[in-house]
Amino acid sequence: MRMGRDFPLAGLLRLRRLQQDSAAGSLAAANAKLRQSSDARSEAYDALAATPLEAADAATLHAIAAVRASSRSMLADLLAAEALDNTAVHTAQAEFHAARARSVGLEKLETKHSDALAVEDLRTEQAVLDELAGTAWHRRQKEANR
């Protein structure tokens, strides 16, 4: 049986790899956004912690209270954004793993196809070598019988 040299599902495998690459890009972008959210939250927390606790007069006390209230509100917003970004990372990871799983099966089939081609090539080469050896043996037998 002579099999085709090209992997019959090569086009589908290319598509699956493109989908996997796209999912990997989405995962990288989601991770980068999560890092940014985490950094922003950390900076806001540090700013809140650095707010002075002592006030010399009532106006300063009101200003400190307003800054702390604003910072707490901003921190709550940043925590919510970070939670959303974390969810996006988990979704992107699931999509990447699904895309990878779709590629793996085709990659295994491609490997089996390549292995079968290699075996076929080796058999063909061995048949040619056997034919050459047989021809040379018969030639030597004819020359010896002369």
C-alpha atoms as a PDB file:
ATOM      1  CA  MET A   1       0.000   0.000   0.000  1.00  0.00           C
ATOM      2  CA  ARG A   2       1.438   3.354  -1.015  1.00  0.00           C
ATOM      3  CA  MET A   3       0.422   6.263   1.214  1.00  0.00           C
ATOM      4  CA  GLY A   4       0.388   9.920   0.266  1.00  0.00           C
ATOM      5  CA  ARG A   5       3.502  11.845   1.208  1.00  0.00           C
ATOM      6  CA  ASP A   6       1.587  14.788   2.649  1.00  0.00           C
ATOM      7  CA  PHE A   7      -0.257  14.545   5.939  1.00  0.00           C
ATOM      8  CA  PRO A   8      -3.924  14.551   4.892  1.00  0.00           C
ATOM      9  CA  LEU A   9      -5.014  16.687   7.863  1.00  0.00           C
ATOM     10  CA  ALA A  10      -2.185  19.233   7.533  1.00  0.00           C
ATOM     11  CA  GLY A  11      -4.586  22.109   6.825  1.00  0.00           C
ATOM     12  CA  LEU A  12      -6.680  21.323   9.888  1.00  0.00           C
ATOM     13  CA  LEU A  13      -3.537  20.986  11.995  1.00  0.00           C
ATOM     14  CA  ARG A  14      -2.351  24.430  10.820  1.00  0.00           C
ATOM     15  CA  LEU A  15      -5.752  25.864  11.770  1.00  0.00           C
ATOM     16  CA  ARG A  16      -5.599  24.223  15.210  1.00  0.00           C
ATOM     17  CA  ARG A  17      -2.102  25.583  15.782  1.00  0.00           C
ATOM     18  CA  LEU A  18      -3.251  29.075  14.783  1.00  0.00           C
ATOM     19  CA  GLN A  19      -6.133  28.773  17.234  1.00  0.00           C
ATOM     20  CA  GLN A  20      -3.714  27.615  19.917  1.00  0.00           C
ATOM     21  CA  ASP A  21      -1.379  30.541  19.196  1.00  0.00           C
ATOM     22  CA  SER A  22      -4.310  32.950  19.359  1.00  0.00           C
ATOM     23  CA  ALA A  23      -5.414  31.483  22.692  1.00  0.00           C
ATOM     24  CA  ALA A  24      -1.846  31.754  23.990  1.00  0.00           C
ATOM     25  CA  GLY A  25      -1.785  35.421  22.976  1.00  0.00           C
ATOM     26  CA  SER A  26      -5.093  36.046  24.737  1.00  0.00           C
ATOM     27  CA  LEU A  27      -3.757  34.329  27.852  1.00  0.00           C
ATOM     28  CA  ALA A  28      -0.603  36.442  27.792  1.00  0.00           C
ATOM     29  CA  ALA A  29      -2.669  39.618  27.417  1.00  0.00           C
ATOM     30  CA  ALA A  30      -4.967  38.602  30.276  1.00  0.00           C
ATOM     31  CA  ASN A  31      -1.962  37.868  32.494  1.00  0.00           C
ATOM     32  CA  ALA A  32      -0.421  41.250  31.654  1.00  0.00           C
ATOM     33  CA  LYS A  33      -3.691  43.029  32.486  1.00  0.00           C
ATOM     34  CA  LEU A  34      -3.914  41.141  35.789  1.00  0.00           C
ATOM     35  CA  ARG A  35      -0.355  42.180  36.657  1.00  0.00           C
ATOM     36  CA  GLN A  36      -1.244  45.812  35.906  1.00  0.00           C
ATOM     37  CA  SER A  37      -4.354  45.607  38.081  1.00  0.00           C
ATOM     38  CA  SER A  38      -2.386  44.013  40.874  1.00  0.00           C
ATOM     39  CA  ASP A  39       0.321  46.683  40.653  1.00  0.00           C
ATOM     40  CA  ALA A  40      -2.265  49.479  40.665  1.00  0.00           C
ATOM     41  CA  ARG A  41      -3.993  47.965  43.700  1.00  0.00           C
ATOM     42  CA  SER A  42      -0.679  47.614  45.486  1.00  0.00           C
ATOM     43  CA  GLU A  43       0.221  51.246  44.742  1.00  0.00           C
ATOM     44  CA  ALA A  44      -3.175  52.443  45.985  1.00  0.00           C
ATOM     45  CA  TYR A  45      -2.789  50.400  49.162  1.00  0.00           C
ATOM     46  CA  ASP A  46       0.688  51.857  49.737  1.00  0.00           C
ATOM     47  CA  ALA A  47      -0.674  55.385  49.180  1.00  0.00           C
ATOM     48  CA  LEU A  48      -3.462  54.747  51.666  1.00  0.00           C
ATOM     49  CA  ALA A  49      -0.997  53.418  54.204  1.00  0.00           C
ATOM     50  CA  ALA A  50       1.238  56.463  53.711  1.00  0.00           C
ATOM     51  CA  THR A  51      -1.539  58.945  54.537  1.00  0.00           C
ATOM     52  CA  PRO A  52      -0.569  60.906  57.665  1.00  0.00           C
ATOM     53  CA  LEU A  53      -2.525  60.051  60.789  1.00  0.00           C
ATOM     54  CA  GLU A  54      -1.998  63.282  62.766  1.00  0.00           C
ATOM     55  CA  ALA A  55      -3.788  66.540  62.096  1.00  0.00           C
ATOM     56  CA  ALA A  56      -2.835  69.937  63.456  1.00  0.00           C
ATOM     57  CA  ASP A  57      -6.290  71.444  62.985  1.00  0.00           C
ATOM     58  CA  ALA A  58      -9.820  70.613  61.899  1.00  0.00           C
ATOM     59  CA  ALA A  59      -9.223  71.537  58.238  1.00  0.00           C
ATOM     60  CA  THR A  60      -6.276  69.162  58.018  1.00  0.00           C
ATOM     61  CA  LEU A  61      -8.302  66.443  59.745  1.00  0.00           C
ATOM     62  CA  HIS A  62     -11.109  66.857  57.172  1.00  0.00           C
ATOM     63  CA  ALA A  63      -8.565  66.756  54.324  1.00  0.00           C
ATOM     64  CA  ILE A  64      -7.001  63.560  55.699  1.00  0.00           C
ATOM     65  CA  ALA A  65     -10.436  61.985  56.100  1.00  0.00           C
ATOM     66  CA  ALA A  66     -11.374  62.925  52.530  1.00  0.00           C
ATOM     67  CA  VAL A  67      -8.095  61.525  51.142  1.00  0.00           C
ATOM     68  CA  ARG A  68      -8.522  58.277  53.083  1.00  0.00           C
ATOM     69  CA  ALA A  69     -12.153  57.891  51.994  1.00  0.00           C
ATOM     70  CA  SER A  70     -11.216  58.534  48.383  1.00  0.00           C
ATOM     71  CA  SER A  71      -8.298  56.112  48.607  1.00  0.00           C
ATOM     72  CA  ARG A  72     -10.486  53.389  50.149  1.00  0.00           C
ATOM     73  CA  SER A  73     -13.048  53.856  47.393  1.00  0.00           C
ATOM     74  CA  MET A  74     -10.339  53.687  44.735  1.00  0.00           C
ATOM     75  CA  LEU A  75      -8.875  50.600  46.427  1.00  0.00           C
ATOM     76  CA  ALA A  76     -12.272  48.886  46.391  1.00  0.00           C
ATOM     77  CA  ASP A  77     -12.633  49.663  42.666  1.00  0.00           C
ATOM     78  CA  LEU A  78      -9.142  48.325  41.986  1.00  0.00           C
ATOM     79  CA  LEU A  79      -9.875  45.144  43.963  1.00  0.00           C
ATOM     80  CA  ALA A  80     -13.017  44.600  41.886  1.00  0.00           C
ATOM     81  CA  ALA A  81     -11.084  45.195  38.651  1.00  0.00           C
ATOM     82  CA  GLU A  82      -8.385  42.777  39.788  1.00  0.00           C
ATOM     83  CA  ALA A  83     -11.022  40.132  40.534  1.00  0.00           C
ATOM     84  CA  LEU A  84     -12.475  40.573  37.025  1.00  0.00           C
ATOM     85  CA  ASP A  85      -9.011  40.338  35.502  1.00  0.00           C
ATOM     86  CA  ASN A  86      -8.329  37.185  37.524  1.00  0.00           C
ATOM     87  CA  THR A  87     -11.528  35.656  36.137  1.00  0.00           C
ATOM     88  CA  ALA A  88     -10.429  36.637  32.624  1.00  0.00           C
ATOM     89  CA  VAL A  89      -7.089  34.867  33.182  1.00  0.00           C
ATOM     90  CA  HIS A  90      -8.859  31.671  34.269  1.00  0.00           C
ATOM     91  CA  THR A  91     -11.126  31.836  31.220  1.00  0.00           C
ATOM     92  CA  ALA A  92      -8.154  32.429  28.910  1.00  0.00           C
ATOM     93  CA  GLN A  93      -6.287  29.508  30.522  1.00  0.00           C
ATOM     94  CA  ALA A  94      -9.265  27.213  29.924  1.00  0.00           C
ATOM     95  CA  GLU A  95      -9.488  28.353  26.292  1.00  0.00           C
ATOM     96  CA  PHE A  96      -5.758  27.789  25.788  1.00  0.00           C
ATOM     97  CA  HIS A  97      -5.902  24.298  27.300  1.00  0.00           C
ATOM     98  CA  ALA A  98      -8.895  23.423  25.110  1.00  0.00           C
ATOM     99  CA  ALA A  99      -7.105  24.702  21.986  1.00  0.00           C
ATOM    100  CA  ARG A 100      -3.978  22.766  22.968  1.00  0.00           C
ATOM    101  CA  ALA A 101      -6.005  19.594  23.475  1.00  0.00           C
ATOM    102  CA  ARG A 102      -7.486  19.952  19.976  1.00  0.00           C
ATOM    103  CA  SER A 103      -3.979  20.287  18.521  1.00  0.00           C
ATOM    104  CA  VAL A 104      -2.402  17.389  20.425  1.00  0.00           C
ATOM    105  CA  GLY A 105      -4.581  14.697  18.831  1.00  0.00           C
ATOM    106  CA  LEU A 106      -3.772  15.930  15.338  1.00  0.00           C
ATOM    107  CA  GLU A 107      -0.076  16.222  16.191  1.00  0.00           C
ATOM    108  CA  LYS A 108      -0.084  12.580  17.289  1.00  0.00           C
ATOM    109  CA  LEU A 109      -1.734  11.590  14.013  1.00  0.00           C
ATOM    110  CA  GLU A 110       0.870  13.603  12.110  1.00  0.00           C
ATOM    111  CA  THR A 111       3.654  11.819  13.997  1.00  0.00           C
ATOM    112  CA  LYS A 112       2.125   8.417  13.186  1.00  0.00           C
ATOM    113  CA  HIS A 113       1.858   9.448   9.536  1.00  0.00           C
ATOM    114  CA  SER A 114       5.511  10.552   9.496  1.00  0.00           C
ATOM    115  CA  ASP A 115       6.581   7.327  11.187  1.00  0.00           C
ATOM    116  CA  ALA A 116       4.615   5.255   8.665  1.00  0.00           C
ATOM    117  CA  LEU A 117       6.271   7.175   5.809  1.00  0.00           C
ATOM    118  CA  ALA A 118       9.703   6.540   7.326  1.00  0.00           C
ATOM    119  CA  VAL A 119       8.951   2.809   7.609  1.00  0.00           C
ATOM    120  CA  GLU A 120       7.714   2.752   4.011  1.00  0.00           C
ATOM    121  CA  ASP A 121      10.858   4.571   2.835  1.00  0.00           C
ATOM    122  CA  LEU A 122      13.073   2.121   4.718  1.00  0.00           C
ATOM    123  CA  ARG A 123      11.214  -0.863   3.217  1.00  0.00           C
ATOM    124  CA  THR A 124      11.570   0.591  -0.264  1.00  0.00           C
ATOM    125  CA  GLU A 125      15.257   1.244   0.297  1.00  0.00           C
ATOM    126  CA  GLN A 126      15.748  -2.267   1.667  1.00  0.00           C
ATOM    127  CA  ALA A 127      13.953  -3.773  -1.351  1.00  0.00           C
ATOM    128  CA  VAL A 128      16.269  -1.844  -3.687  1.00  0.00           C
ATOM    129  CA  LEU A 129      19.336  -2.972  -1.699  1.00  0.00           C
ATOM    130  CA  ASP A 130      18.094  -6.573  -1.740  1.00  0.00           C
ATOM    131  CA  GLU A 131      17.526  -6.367  -5.493  1.00  0.00           C
ATOM    132  CA  LEU A 132      21.024  -4.957  -6.050  1.00  0.00           C
ATOM    133  CA  ALA A 133      22.563  -7.600  -3.821  1.00  0.00           C
ATOM    134  CA  GLY A 134      20.631 -10.359  -5.593  1.00  0.00           C
ATOM    135  CA  THR A 135      21.641  -9.057  -9.011  1.00  0.00           C
ATOM    136  CA  ALA A 136      25.298  -8.863  -7.962  1.00  0.00           C
ATOM    137  CA  TRP A 137      25.152 -12.415  -6.540  1.00  0.00           C
ATOM    138  CA  HIS A 138      23.636 -13.791  -9.742  1.00  0.00           C
ATOM    139  CA  ARG A 139      26.243 -11.964 -11.802  1.00  0.00           C
ATOM    140  CA  ARG A 140      29.055 -13.466  -9.694  1.00  0.00           C
ATOM    141  CA  GLN A 141      27.485 -16.933 -10.045  1.00  0.00           C
ATOM    142  CA  LYS A 142      27.364 -16.608 -13.839  1.00  0.00           C
ATOM    143  CA  GLU A 143      30.981 -15.432 -13.925  1.00  0.00           C
ATOM    144  CA  ALA A 144      32.056 -18.298 -11.670  1.00  0.00           C
ATOM    145  CA  ASN A 145      30.303 -20.892 -13.897  1.00  0.00           C
ATOM    146  CA  ARG A 146      32.016 -19.685 -17.074  1.00  0.00           C
END
